[in-house]
Amino acid sequence: MARMTSNDLLKNIKKQHACHLEKVQKKEPYISPLFFKLKRHLMGQLRRSNHKAHERTAESLQQSNQRHSDADAAT
């Protein structure tokens, strides 16, 4: 086999990449960027709601601890 120059190698790689892309696009339908935008938005909402729920849990724990300490002080 003749020695390949870097230019030949580059052409070969590009050709393989093009073939690979064709195969992938036949297998998987196109995913629109809108999907990723929506996913990011929903994940952000989920993170915020989890954060709020965590804050509420911390508040209720603090209140229940306060009630218990008040009850202990009363006895």
PDB file of N, CA and C in Angstrom:
ATOM      1  N   MET A   1       0.845  -1.193   0.000  1.00  0.00           N
ATOM      2  CA  MET A   1       0.000   0.000   0.000  1.00  0.00           C
ATOM      3  C   MET A   1       0.879   1.241   0.000  1.00  0.00           C
ATOM      4  N   ALA A   2       0.489   2.196  -0.818  1.00  0.00           N
ATOM      5  CA  ALA A   2       1.274   3.434  -0.900  1.00  0.00           C
ATOM      6  C   ALA A   2       1.088   4.225   0.387  1.00  0.00           C
ATOM      7  N   ARG A   3       2.081   4.987   0.700  1.00  0.00           N
ATOM      8  CA  ARG A   3       2.029   5.818   1.897  1.00  0.00           C
ATOM      9  C   ARG A   3       1.008   6.940   1.709  1.00  0.00           C
ATOM     10  N   MET A   4       0.133   7.122   2.707  1.00  0.00           N
ATOM     11  CA  MET A   4      -0.905   8.149   2.588  1.00  0.00           C
ATOM     12  C   MET A   4      -0.399   9.477   3.132  1.00  0.00           C
ATOM     13  N   THR A   5      -0.715  10.520   2.441  1.00  0.00           N
ATOM     14  CA  THR A   5      -0.349  11.845   2.944  1.00  0.00           C
ATOM     15  C   THR A   5      -1.431  12.283   3.926  1.00  0.00           C
ATOM     16  N   SER A   6      -1.137  13.316   4.669  1.00  0.00           N
ATOM     17  CA  SER A   6      -2.114  13.802   5.646  1.00  0.00           C
ATOM     18  C   SER A   6      -3.387  14.278   4.940  1.00  0.00           C
ATOM     19  N   ASN A   7      -3.227  14.804   3.722  1.00  0.00           N
ATOM     20  CA  ASN A   7      -4.385  15.259   2.957  1.00  0.00           C
ATOM     21  C   ASN A   7      -5.294  14.085   2.600  1.00  0.00           C
ATOM     22  N   ASP A   8      -4.668  12.969   2.182  1.00  0.00           N
ATOM     23  CA  ASP A   8      -5.445  11.766   1.862  1.00  0.00           C
ATOM     24  C   ASP A   8      -6.167  11.239   3.105  1.00  0.00           C
ATOM     25  N   LEU A   9      -5.448  11.240   4.206  1.00  0.00           N
ATOM     26  CA  LEU A   9      -6.048  10.782   5.463  1.00  0.00           C
ATOM     27  C   LEU A   9      -7.251  11.644   5.834  1.00  0.00           C
ATOM     28  N   LEU A  10      -7.090  12.945   5.686  1.00  0.00           N
ATOM     29  CA  LEU A  10      -8.166  13.872   6.018  1.00  0.00           C
ATOM     30  C   LEU A  10      -9.392  13.613   5.150  1.00  0.00           C
ATOM     31  N   LYS A  11      -9.166  13.397   3.846  1.00  0.00           N
ATOM     32  CA  LYS A  11     -10.277  13.101   2.923  1.00  0.00           C
ATOM     33  C   LYS A  11     -10.967  11.800   3.329  1.00  0.00           C
ATOM     34  N   ASN A  12     -10.166  10.824   3.695  1.00  0.00           N
ATOM     35  CA  ASN A  12     -10.702   9.528   4.106  1.00  0.00           C
ATOM     36  C   ASN A  12     -11.570   9.667   5.358  1.00  0.00           C
ATOM     37  N   ILE A  13     -11.068  10.408   6.328  1.00  0.00           N
ATOM     38  CA  ILE A  13     -11.806  10.627   7.575  1.00  0.00           C
ATOM     39  C   ILE A  13     -13.115  11.359   7.297  1.00  0.00           C
ATOM     40  N   LYS A  14     -13.072  12.387   6.442  1.00  0.00           N
ATOM     41  CA  LYS A  14     -14.285  13.136   6.107  1.00  0.00           C
ATOM     42  C   LYS A  14     -15.306  12.232   5.439  1.00  0.00           C
ATOM     43  N   LYS A  15     -14.828  11.352   4.552  1.00  0.00           N
ATOM     44  CA  LYS A  15     -15.730  10.426   3.850  1.00  0.00           C
ATOM     45  C   LYS A  15     -16.376   9.467   4.856  1.00  0.00           C
ATOM     46  N   GLN A  16     -15.576   8.934   5.784  1.00  0.00           N
ATOM     47  CA  GLN A  16     -16.105   8.028   6.808  1.00  0.00           C
ATOM     48  C   GLN A  16     -17.120   8.740   7.693  1.00  0.00           C
ATOM     49  N   HIS A  17     -16.809   9.982   8.037  1.00  0.00           N
ATOM     50  CA  HIS A  17     -17.702  10.767   8.885  1.00  0.00           C
ATOM     51  C   HIS A  17     -19.035  11.007   8.178  1.00  0.00           C
ATOM     52  N   ALA A  18     -18.979  11.322   6.885  1.00  0.00           N
ATOM     53  CA  ALA A  18     -20.198  11.552   6.104  1.00  0.00           C
ATOM     54  C   ALA A  18     -21.043  10.276   6.064  1.00  0.00           C
ATOM     55  N   CYS A  19     -20.393   9.130   5.855  1.00  0.00           N
ATOM     56  CA  CYS A  19     -21.110   7.848   5.854  1.00  0.00           C
ATOM     57  C   CYS A  19     -21.752   7.591   7.214  1.00  0.00           C
ATOM     58  N   HIS A  20     -20.999   7.864   8.268  1.00  0.00           N
ATOM     59  CA  HIS A  20     -21.499   7.667   9.628  1.00  0.00           C
ATOM     60  C   HIS A  20     -22.723   8.550   9.884  1.00  0.00           C
ATOM     61  N   LEU A  21     -22.631   9.823   9.462  1.00  0.00           N
ATOM     62  CA  LEU A  21     -23.758  10.737   9.658  1.00  0.00           C
ATOM     63  C   LEU A  21     -25.001  10.248   8.931  1.00  0.00           C
ATOM     64  N   GLU A  22     -24.821   9.746   7.709  1.00  0.00           N
ATOM     65  CA  GLU A  22     -25.958   9.227   6.955  1.00  0.00           C
ATOM     66  C   GLU A  22     -26.616   8.075   7.694  1.00  0.00           C
ATOM     67  N   LYS A  23     -25.804   7.164   8.214  1.00  0.00           N
ATOM     68  CA  LYS A  23     -26.342   6.013   8.946  1.00  0.00           C
ATOM     69  C   LYS A  23     -27.109   6.475  10.180  1.00  0.00           C
ATOM     70  N   VAL A  24     -26.522   7.393  10.919  1.00  0.00           N
ATOM     71  CA  VAL A  24     -27.146   7.880  12.153  1.00  0.00           C
ATOM     72  C   VAL A  24     -28.469   8.576  11.840  1.00  0.00           C
ATOM     73  N   GLN A  25     -28.480   9.399  10.788  1.00  0.00           N
ATOM     74  CA  GLN A  25     -29.694  10.132  10.454  1.00  0.00           C
ATOM     75  C   GLN A  25     -30.794   9.205   9.964  1.00  0.00           C
ATOM     76  N   LYS A  26     -30.419   8.077   9.354  1.00  0.00           N
ATOM     77  CA  LYS A  26     -31.439   7.108   8.937  1.00  0.00           C
ATOM     78  C   LYS A  26     -32.042   6.435  10.155  1.00  0.00           C
ATOM     79  N   LYS A  27     -31.212   6.148  11.154  1.00  0.00           N
ATOM     80  CA  LYS A  27     -31.691   5.458  12.361  1.00  0.00           C
ATOM     81  C   LYS A  27     -32.527   6.376  13.236  1.00  0.00           C
ATOM     82  N   GLU A  28     -32.022   7.578  13.496  1.00  0.00           N
ATOM     83  CA  GLU A  28     -32.674   8.469  14.451  1.00  0.00           C
ATOM     84  C   GLU A  28     -33.330   9.641  13.739  1.00  0.00           C
ATOM     85  N   PRO A  29     -34.578   9.952  14.107  1.00  0.00           N
ATOM     86  CA  PRO A  29     -35.198  11.141  13.527  1.00  0.00           C
ATOM     87  C   PRO A  29     -34.504  12.397  14.048  1.00  0.00           C
ATOM     88  N   TYR A  30     -34.656  13.454  13.324  1.00  0.00           N
ATOM     89  CA  TYR A  30     -34.016  14.715  13.706  1.00  0.00           C
ATOM     90  C   TYR A  30     -34.625  15.231  15.005  1.00  0.00           C
ATOM     91  N   ILE A  31     -33.794  15.595  15.936  1.00  0.00           N
ATOM     92  CA  ILE A  31     -34.284  16.172  17.196  1.00  0.00           C
ATOM     93  C   ILE A  31     -34.104  17.677  17.102  1.00  0.00           C
ATOM     94  N   SER A  32     -35.193  18.388  17.187  1.00  0.00           N
ATOM     95  CA  SER A  32     -35.106  19.832  17.006  1.00  0.00           C
ATOM     96  C   SER A  32     -34.480  20.487  18.232  1.00  0.00           C
ATOM     97  N   PRO A  33     -33.813  21.617  18.043  1.00  0.00           N
ATOM     98  CA  PRO A  33     -33.220  22.341  19.171  1.00  0.00           C
ATOM     99  C   PRO A  33     -34.284  22.783  20.172  1.00  0.00           C
ATOM    100  N   LEU A  34     -35.531  22.891  19.690  1.00  0.00           N
ATOM    101  CA  LEU A  34     -36.627  23.283  20.577  1.00  0.00           C
ATOM    102  C   LEU A  34     -36.798  22.263  21.702  1.00  0.00           C
ATOM    103  N   PHE A  35     -36.573  20.989  21.382  1.00  0.00           N
ATOM    104  CA  PHE A  35     -36.674  19.928  22.389  1.00  0.00           C
ATOM    105  C   PHE A  35     -35.706  20.190  23.535  1.00  0.00           C
ATOM    106  N   PHE A  36     -34.460  20.550  23.180  1.00  0.00           N
ATOM    107  CA  PHE A  36     -33.452  20.773  24.216  1.00  0.00           C
ATOM    108  C   PHE A  36     -33.781  22.018  25.029  1.00  0.00           C
ATOM    109  N   LYS A  37     -34.348  23.027  24.352  1.00  0.00           N
ATOM    110  CA  LYS A  37     -34.755  24.244  25.046  1.00  0.00           C
ATOM    111  C   LYS A  37     -35.858  23.919  26.063  1.00  0.00           C
ATOM    112  N   LEU A  38     -36.828  23.114  25.625  1.00  0.00           N
ATOM    113  CA  LEU A  38     -37.927  22.717  26.495  1.00  0.00           C
ATOM    114  C   LEU A  38     -37.414  21.882  27.662  1.00  0.00           C
ATOM    115  N   LYS A  39     -36.504  20.954  27.359  1.00  0.00           N
ATOM    116  CA  LYS A  39     -35.944  20.089  28.404  1.00  0.00           C
ATOM    117  C   LYS A  39     -35.226  20.935  29.455  1.00  0.00           C
ATOM    118  N   ARG A  40     -34.419  21.902  28.995  1.00  0.00           N
ATOM    119  CA  ARG A  40     -33.686  22.755  29.929  1.00  0.00           C
ATOM    120  C   ARG A  40     -34.653  23.554  30.796  1.00  0.00           C
ATOM    121  N   HIS A  41     -35.736  24.052  30.168  1.00  0.00           N
ATOM    122  CA  HIS A  41     -36.746  24.832  30.890  1.00  0.00           C
ATOM    123  C   HIS A  41     -37.416  23.970  31.968  1.00  0.00           C
ATOM    124  N   LEU A  42     -37.804  22.754  31.590  1.00  0.00           N
ATOM    125  CA  LEU A  42     -38.485  21.872  32.537  1.00  0.00           C
ATOM    126  C   LEU A  42     -37.566  21.438  33.667  1.00  0.00           C
ATOM    127  N   MET A  43     -36.303  21.171  33.332  1.00  0.00           N
ATOM    128  CA  MET A  43     -35.352  20.787  34.383  1.00  0.00           C
ATOM    129  C   MET A  43     -35.143  21.937  35.357  1.00  0.00           C
ATOM    130  N   GLY A  44     -35.119  23.162  34.827  1.00  0.00           N
ATOM    131  CA  GLY A  44     -34.996  24.339  35.688  1.00  0.00           C
ATOM    132  C   GLY A  44     -36.188  24.469  36.613  1.00  0.00           C
ATOM    133  N   GLN A  45     -37.386  24.240  36.073  1.00  0.00           N
ATOM    134  CA  GLN A  45     -38.599  24.309  36.894  1.00  0.00           C
ATOM    135  C   GLN A  45     -38.553  23.259  37.993  1.00  0.00           C
ATOM    136  N   LEU A  46     -38.137  22.061  37.628  1.00  0.00           N
ATOM    137  CA  LEU A  46     -38.060  20.972  38.595  1.00  0.00           C
ATOM    138  C   LEU A  46     -37.065  21.305  39.704  1.00  0.00           C
ATOM    139  N   ARG A  47     -35.918  21.860  39.313  1.00  0.00           N
ATOM    140  CA  ARG A  47     -34.898  22.214  40.301  1.00  0.00           C
ATOM    141  C   ARG A  47     -35.422  23.284  41.258  1.00  0.00           C
ATOM    142  N   ARG A  48     -36.124  24.288  40.676  1.00  0.00           N
ATOM    143  CA  ARG A  48     -36.672  25.343  41.529  1.00  0.00           C
ATOM    144  C   ARG A  48     -37.728  24.793  42.477  1.00  0.00           C
ATOM    145  N   SER A  49     -38.613  23.919  41.972  1.00  0.00           N
ATOM    146  CA  SER A  49     -39.668  23.386  42.837  1.00  0.00           C
ATOM    147  C   SER A  49     -39.067  22.507  43.926  1.00  0.00           C
ATOM    148  N   ASN A  50     -38.012  21.746  43.590  1.00  0.00           N
ATOM    149  CA  ASN A  50     -37.332  20.934  44.604  1.00  0.00           C
ATOM    150  C   ASN A  50     -36.703  21.822  45.660  1.00  0.00           C
ATOM    151  N   HIS A  51     -36.123  22.941  45.229  1.00  0.00           N
ATOM    152  CA  HIS A  51     -35.488  23.870  46.158  1.00  0.00           C
ATOM    153  C   HIS A  51     -36.534  24.453  47.108  1.00  0.00           C
ATOM    154  N   LYS A  52     -37.705  24.846  46.548  1.00  0.00           N
ATOM    155  CA  LYS A  52     -38.771  25.409  47.382  1.00  0.00           C
ATOM    156  C   LYS A  52     -39.283  24.367  48.366  1.00  0.00           C
ATOM    157  N   ALA A  53     -39.442  23.130  47.886  1.00  0.00           N
ATOM    158  CA  ALA A  53     -39.915  22.052  48.759  1.00  0.00           C
ATOM    159  C   ALA A  53     -38.912  21.825  49.884  1.00  0.00           C
ATOM    160  N   HIS A  54     -37.630  21.901  49.558  1.00  0.00           N
ATOM    161  CA  HIS A  54     -36.586  21.719  50.564  1.00  0.00           C
ATOM    162  C   HIS A  54     -36.673  22.836  51.604  1.00  0.00           C
ATOM    163  N   GLU A  55     -36.896  24.078  51.132  1.00  0.00           N
ATOM    164  CA  GLU A  55     -37.023  25.204  52.065  1.00  0.00           C
ATOM    165  C   GLU A  55     -38.221  25.003  52.975  1.00  0.00           C
ATOM    166  N   ARG A  56     -39.354  24.558  52.404  1.00  0.00           N
ATOM    167  CA  ARG A  56     -40.562  24.328  53.208  1.00  0.00           C
ATOM    168  C   ARG A  56     -40.312  23.241  54.240  1.00  0.00           C
ATOM    169  N   THR A  57     -39.609  22.191  53.848  1.00  0.00           N
ATOM    170  CA  THR A  57     -39.305  21.098  54.776  1.00  0.00           C
ATOM    171  C   THR A  57     -38.438  21.622  55.917  1.00  0.00           C
ATOM    172  N   ALA A  58     -37.449  22.429  55.577  1.00  0.00           N
ATOM    173  CA  ALA A  58     -36.568  22.987  56.605  1.00  0.00           C
ATOM    174  C   ALA A  58     -37.373  23.882  57.553  1.00  0.00           C
ATOM    175  N   GLU A  59     -38.289  24.691  56.984  1.00  0.00           N
ATOM    176  CA  GLU A  59     -39.120  25.563  57.822  1.00  0.00           C
ATOM    177  C   GLU A  59     -40.004  24.744  58.755  1.00  0.00           C
ATOM    178  N   SER A  60     -40.661  23.709  58.224  1.00  0.00           N
ATOM    179  CA  SER A  60     -41.563  22.914  59.056  1.00  0.00           C
ATOM    180  C   SER A  60     -40.780  22.170  60.138  1.00  0.00           C
ATOM    181  N   LEU A  61     -39.567  21.724  59.800  1.00  0.00           N
ATOM    182  CA  LEU A  61     -38.724  21.078  60.811  1.00  0.00           C
ATOM    183  C   LEU A  61     -38.393  22.057  61.928  1.00  0.00           C
ATOM    184  N   GLN A  62     -38.059  23.275  61.528  1.00  0.00           N
ATOM    185  CA  GLN A  62     -37.714  24.293  62.510  1.00  0.00           C
ATOM    186  C   GLN A  62     -38.922  24.582  63.422  1.00  0.00           C
ATOM    187  N   GLN A  63     -40.112  24.680  62.803  1.00  0.00           N
ATOM    188  CA  GLN A  63     -41.329  24.956  63.583  1.00  0.00           C
ATOM    189  C   GLN A  63     -41.651  23.805  64.534  1.00  0.00           C
ATOM    190  N   SER A  64     -41.503  22.563  64.041  1.00  0.00           N
ATOM    191  CA  SER A  64     -41.814  21.421  64.910  1.00  0.00           C
ATOM    192  C   SER A  64     -40.799  21.343  66.046  1.00  0.00           C
ATOM    193  N   ASN A  65     -39.541  21.653  65.756  1.00  0.00           N
ATOM    194  CA  ASN A  65     -38.525  21.679  66.815  1.00  0.00           C
ATOM    195  C   ASN A  65     -38.860  22.751  67.845  1.00  0.00           C
ATOM    196  N   GLN A  66     -39.343  23.895  67.358  1.00  0.00           N
ATOM    197  CA  GLN A  66     -39.721  24.994  68.253  1.00  0.00           C
ATOM    198  C   GLN A  66     -40.884  24.552  69.143  1.00  0.00           C
ATOM    199  N   ARG A  67     -41.872  23.898  68.557  1.00  0.00           N
ATOM    200  CA  ARG A  67     -43.037  23.420  69.336  1.00  0.00           C
ATOM    201  C   ARG A  67     -42.596  22.418  70.394  1.00  0.00           C
ATOM    202  N   HIS A  68     -41.695  21.497  69.998  1.00  0.00           N
ATOM    203  CA  HIS A  68     -41.224  20.496  70.959  1.00  0.00           C
ATOM    204  C   HIS A  68     -40.452  21.151  72.099  1.00  0.00           C
ATOM    205  N   SER A  69     -39.629  22.125  71.763  1.00  0.00           N
ATOM    206  CA  SER A  69     -38.848  22.776  72.828  1.00  0.00           C
ATOM    207  C   SER A  69     -39.766  23.604  73.723  1.00  0.00           C
ATOM    208  N   ASP A  70     -40.825  24.208  73.147  1.00  0.00           N
ATOM    209  CA  ASP A  70     -41.814  24.938  73.955  1.00  0.00           C
ATOM    210  C   ASP A  70     -42.553  23.976  74.883  1.00  0.00           C
ATOM    211  N   ALA A  71     -42.901  22.808  74.359  1.00  0.00           N
ATOM    212  CA  ALA A  71     -43.616  21.802  75.165  1.00  0.00           C
ATOM    213  C   ALA A  71     -42.708  21.302  76.289  1.00  0.00           C
ATOM    214  N   ASP A  72     -41.425  21.105  75.981  1.00  0.00           N
ATOM    215  CA  ASP A  72     -40.475  20.654  77.000  1.00  0.00           C
ATOM    216  C   ASP A  72     -40.302  21.721  78.078  1.00  0.00           C
ATOM    217  N   ALA A  73     -40.295  22.987  77.663  1.00  0.00           N
ATOM    218  CA  ALA A  73     -40.120  24.081  78.614  1.00  0.00           C
ATOM    219  C   ALA A  73     -41.353  24.207  79.512  1.00  0.00           C
ATOM    220  N   ALA A  74     -42.522  23.892  78.973  1.00  0.00           N
ATOM    221  CA  ALA A  74     -43.763  24.017  79.743  1.00  0.00           C
ATOM    222  C   ALA A  74     -43.865  22.922  80.799  1.00  0.00           C
ATOM    223  N   THR A  75     -43.236  21.780  80.554  1.00  0.00           N
ATOM    224  CA  THR A  75     -43.359  20.684  81.538  1.00  0.00           C
ATOM    225  C   THR A  75     -42.340  20.803  82.632  1.00  0.00           C
TER     226      THR A  75
END
